[in-house]
Protein backbone atom coordinates (compact mmCIF):
# COMPACT_ATOMS: atom_id res chain seq x y z
CA MET A 1 -57.46 -14.08 -30.15
CA VAL A 2 -56.59 -14.45 -26.22
CA ALA A 3 -53.48 -13.78 -24.95
CA ALA A 4 -51.80 -16.59 -23.35
CA ARG A 5 -50.65 -15.93 -19.86
CA ARG A 6 -47.48 -15.71 -18.92
CA ARG A 7 -46.29 -18.16 -16.08
CA PRO A 8 -43.80 -17.48 -13.95
CA VAL A 9 -40.86 -19.89 -13.81
CA ARG A 10 -40.62 -22.47 -11.60
CA THR A 11 -36.96 -24.39 -10.44
CA ALA A 12 -36.34 -27.36 -8.07
CA TRP A 13 -34.35 -24.51 -6.62
CA PRO A 14 -36.23 -21.31 -6.17
CA ARG A 15 -33.96 -19.02 -3.99
CA LEU A 16 -31.73 -19.56 -6.56
CA ALA A 17 -33.52 -18.09 -9.48
CA LEU A 18 -33.69 -15.07 -6.26
CA VAL A 19 -30.05 -14.84 -6.84
CA LEU A 20 -29.61 -14.90 -10.47
CA ALA A 21 -32.10 -12.06 -10.53
CA LEU A 22 -30.03 -9.75 -8.23
CA PRO A 23 -27.83 -7.10 -9.47
CA PRO A 24 -24.07 -7.64 -10.10
CA LEU A 25 -22.40 -6.42 -6.71
CA LEU A 26 -20.34 -4.08 -6.20
CA SER A 27 -16.30 -4.56 -7.43
CA LEU A 28 -14.09 -5.63 -5.15
CA PRO A 29 -11.09 -3.43 -3.74
CA GLN A 30 -8.82 -5.76 -5.81
CA ASP A 31 -10.92 -4.51 -8.67
CA GLN A 32 -10.06 -0.46 -8.22
CA ARG A 33 -6.38 -1.10 -8.11
CA PRO A 34 -5.14 2.33 -9.69
CA ALA A 35 -2.67 1.92 -12.98
CA GLY A 36 1.40 1.68 -11.80
CA LEU A 37 0.47 0.18 -8.03
CA VAL A 38 2.91 -1.59 -7.26
CA LEU A 39 2.48 -4.35 -5.18
CA LEU A 40 4.93 -4.45 -2.22
CA ARG A 41 2.79 -7.71 -0.16
CA GLU A 42 -0.55 -9.81 -0.96
CA TRP A 43 -1.62 -12.44 1.48
CA GLN A 44 -5.10 -13.92 2.73
CA THR A 45 -6.77 -14.56 5.41
CA MET A 46 -10.04 -16.34 6.30
CA ASN A 47 -11.85 -13.02 5.74
CA GLY A 48 -10.28 -12.34 2.41
CA LEU A 49 -7.71 -10.64 0.19
CA HIS A 50 -5.63 -8.09 1.62
CA ALA A 51 -3.12 -6.24 0.33
CA ILE A 52 -0.45 -3.28 0.31
CA GLY A 53 1.02 -1.46 -2.61
CA VAL A 54 2.06 2.25 -3.32
CA TYR A 55 2.05 4.38 -6.29
CA ASP A 56 2.31 8.32 -7.73
CA PRO A 57 6.12 8.60 -6.23
CA LYS A 58 6.36 12.64 -6.67
CA PRO A 59 9.02 15.15 -5.35
CA ASP A 60 7.98 17.51 -2.44
CA PRO A 61 7.99 21.01 -3.52
CA ARG A 62 9.32 21.87 -0.36
CA ASP A 63 12.59 20.05 0.17
CA PRO A 64 14.42 18.48 -2.60
CA SER A 65 15.75 15.64 -0.84
CA ALA A 66 12.35 14.50 -0.03
CA ARG A 67 9.27 12.75 -2.03
CA THR A 68 6.09 11.84 -1.28
CA ILE A 69 4.00 8.83 -2.30
CA VAL A 70 0.48 6.87 -1.85
CA VAL A 71 0.07 3.99 -0.13
CA TRP A 72 -2.38 1.65 -0.82
CA LEU A 73 -3.65 -0.17 2.01
CA GLU A 74 -6.52 -2.93 0.92
CA GLU A 75 -9.18 -5.63 2.64
CA PRO A 76 -11.87 -6.90 1.76
CA THR A 77 -14.14 -4.81 3.04
CA GLY A 78 -12.12 -1.74 0.62
CA VAL A 79 -9.55 0.77 0.80
CA LYS A 80 -7.68 3.34 2.88
CA LEU A 81 -5.35 5.63 1.34
CA ALA A 82 -2.56 7.50 3.09
CA VAL A 83 -0.51 9.88 1.86
CA GLU A 84 3.39 9.06 3.08
CA THR A 85 7.30 11.47 2.76
CA LEU A 86 10.02 9.67 2.97
CA ARG A 87 13.44 11.59 2.92
CA CYS A 88 15.92 10.50 0.28
CA SER A 89 19.36 12.22 1.65
CA PRO A 90 22.43 9.30 2.54
CA ALA A 91 22.59 11.46 5.75
CA ALA A 92 19.02 11.66 6.72
CA PRO A 93 16.56 8.46 5.01
CA MET A 94 13.41 8.39 6.99
CA ARG A 95 9.46 7.77 6.68
CA LEU A 96 7.24 9.97 7.88
CA MET A 97 3.42 9.21 8.63
CA ARG A 98 0.71 9.92 10.42
CA ARG A 99 -1.05 7.16 12.58
CA GLY A 100 -4.37 8.79 14.14
CA SER A 101 -3.21 12.99 15.55
CA ASP A 102 -0.01 11.33 16.01
CA LEU A 103 3.61 11.87 13.85
CA VAL A 104 5.33 8.40 13.15
CA ILE A 105 9.00 9.21 12.11
CA ARG A 106 11.04 6.56 10.93
CA GLU A 107 14.85 6.34 10.76
CA LEU A 108 15.79 4.48 7.87
CA ASN A 109 19.25 2.70 7.20
CA PRO A 110 19.90 1.85 3.34
CA GLY A 111 21.92 -0.86 2.48
CA GLY A 112 22.13 -2.27 6.06
CA PRO A 113 20.35 -5.69 7.27
CA VAL A 114 16.39 -5.88 6.10
CA GLY A 115 13.86 -8.35 8.12
CA PRO A 116 10.35 -8.82 9.12
CA ALA A 117 10.49 -5.30 11.15
CA ASN A 118 11.58 -2.81 9.18
CA LYS A 119 11.07 -4.96 5.59
CA LEU A 120 7.57 -2.37 4.74
CA ASP A 121 9.37 0.43 5.72
CA HIS A 122 12.24 -0.04 2.88
CA GLN A 123 9.92 -1.39 0.57
CA ILE A 124 8.28 1.81 0.32
CA TRP A 125 11.10 4.05 1.17
CA TRP A 126 12.99 2.31 -2.32
CA ALA A 127 9.59 2.93 -4.48
CA ALA A 128 9.05 6.41 -3.33
CA CYS A 129 12.93 7.47 -3.74
CA PHE A 130 13.92 5.34 -6.60
CA PRO A 131 10.81 4.28 -8.31
CA GLU A 132 12.24 1.84 -10.69
CA GLN A 133 13.61 -0.17 -7.59
CA GLY A 134 9.65 -0.78 -6.07
CA GLY A 135 8.53 -3.91 -5.47
CA ARG A 136 12.22 -5.03 -5.66
CA ASP A 137 13.57 -6.82 -2.27
CA PRO A 138 15.09 -4.19 -0.11
CA ALA A 139 17.29 -6.76 1.15
CA THR A 140 19.08 -7.38 -2.08
CA LEU A 141 20.31 -3.67 -2.66
CA GLY A 142 22.41 -3.34 -0.36
CA ALA A 143 24.95 -2.94 -2.94
CA LEU A 144 23.18 -0.75 -5.07
CA ALA A 145 22.14 1.09 -1.51
CA ARG A 146 26.21 1.66 -1.13
CA GLN A 147 27.19 2.62 -4.74
CA LEU A 148 24.42 5.40 -4.43
CA GLY A 149 26.33 6.66 -1.42
CA TYR A 150 23.72 5.01 1.49
CA SER A 151 26.76 3.53 4.24
CA GLY A 152 24.39 0.52 5.46
CA GLN A 153 25.91 1.38 9.31
CA LEU A 154 23.21 3.95 10.65
CA ARG A 155 21.52 3.40 13.44
CA GLU A 156 17.15 2.54 12.39
CA GLN A 157 15.03 3.87 15.36
CA GLN A 158 11.70 5.02 15.46
CA GLN A 159 9.90 8.53 17.36
CA VAL A 160 6.34 9.30 18.39
CA VAL A 161 5.32 12.81 17.77
CA PRO A 162 1.93 13.32 19.87
CA GLY A 163 -0.60 15.43 18.13
CA SER A 164 -3.18 17.99 19.64
CA PRO A 165 -6.56 16.23 20.64
CA ARG A 166 -9.19 17.96 19.11
């Protein structure tokens, strides 16, 4: 008995057969989102999907009024993570983050005006300090902030403390 020779499959589109034979691509950044991620903002550009979210809020062991939270920065090419510290005290609410070697300190005013310039800061602050409010529009939380002891009358400002170059 003579074994039959297998002929290669011919298609009208030879490149299509090549594409179908490739292994599956790596997973997309949005497929890697952790459980418990609170999505704060998501938008599409011509490069792909972008998103900002937070997860894993924890009390800071060194300061009872502080919390740490992981900020999820999703781009079409991958994900960046940043651990930030937030102070939740009514006297001095703030967000502390690193930008390169610099420390950025943003003093916040929960219960005060929220607009495009400070909305993300307030979203992250509420998600860290009061996780049950995470994902809600901070502009709608003014009455709750005042019930919790925040005056809504603080001055918002930013300080940048330069880090030492290495």
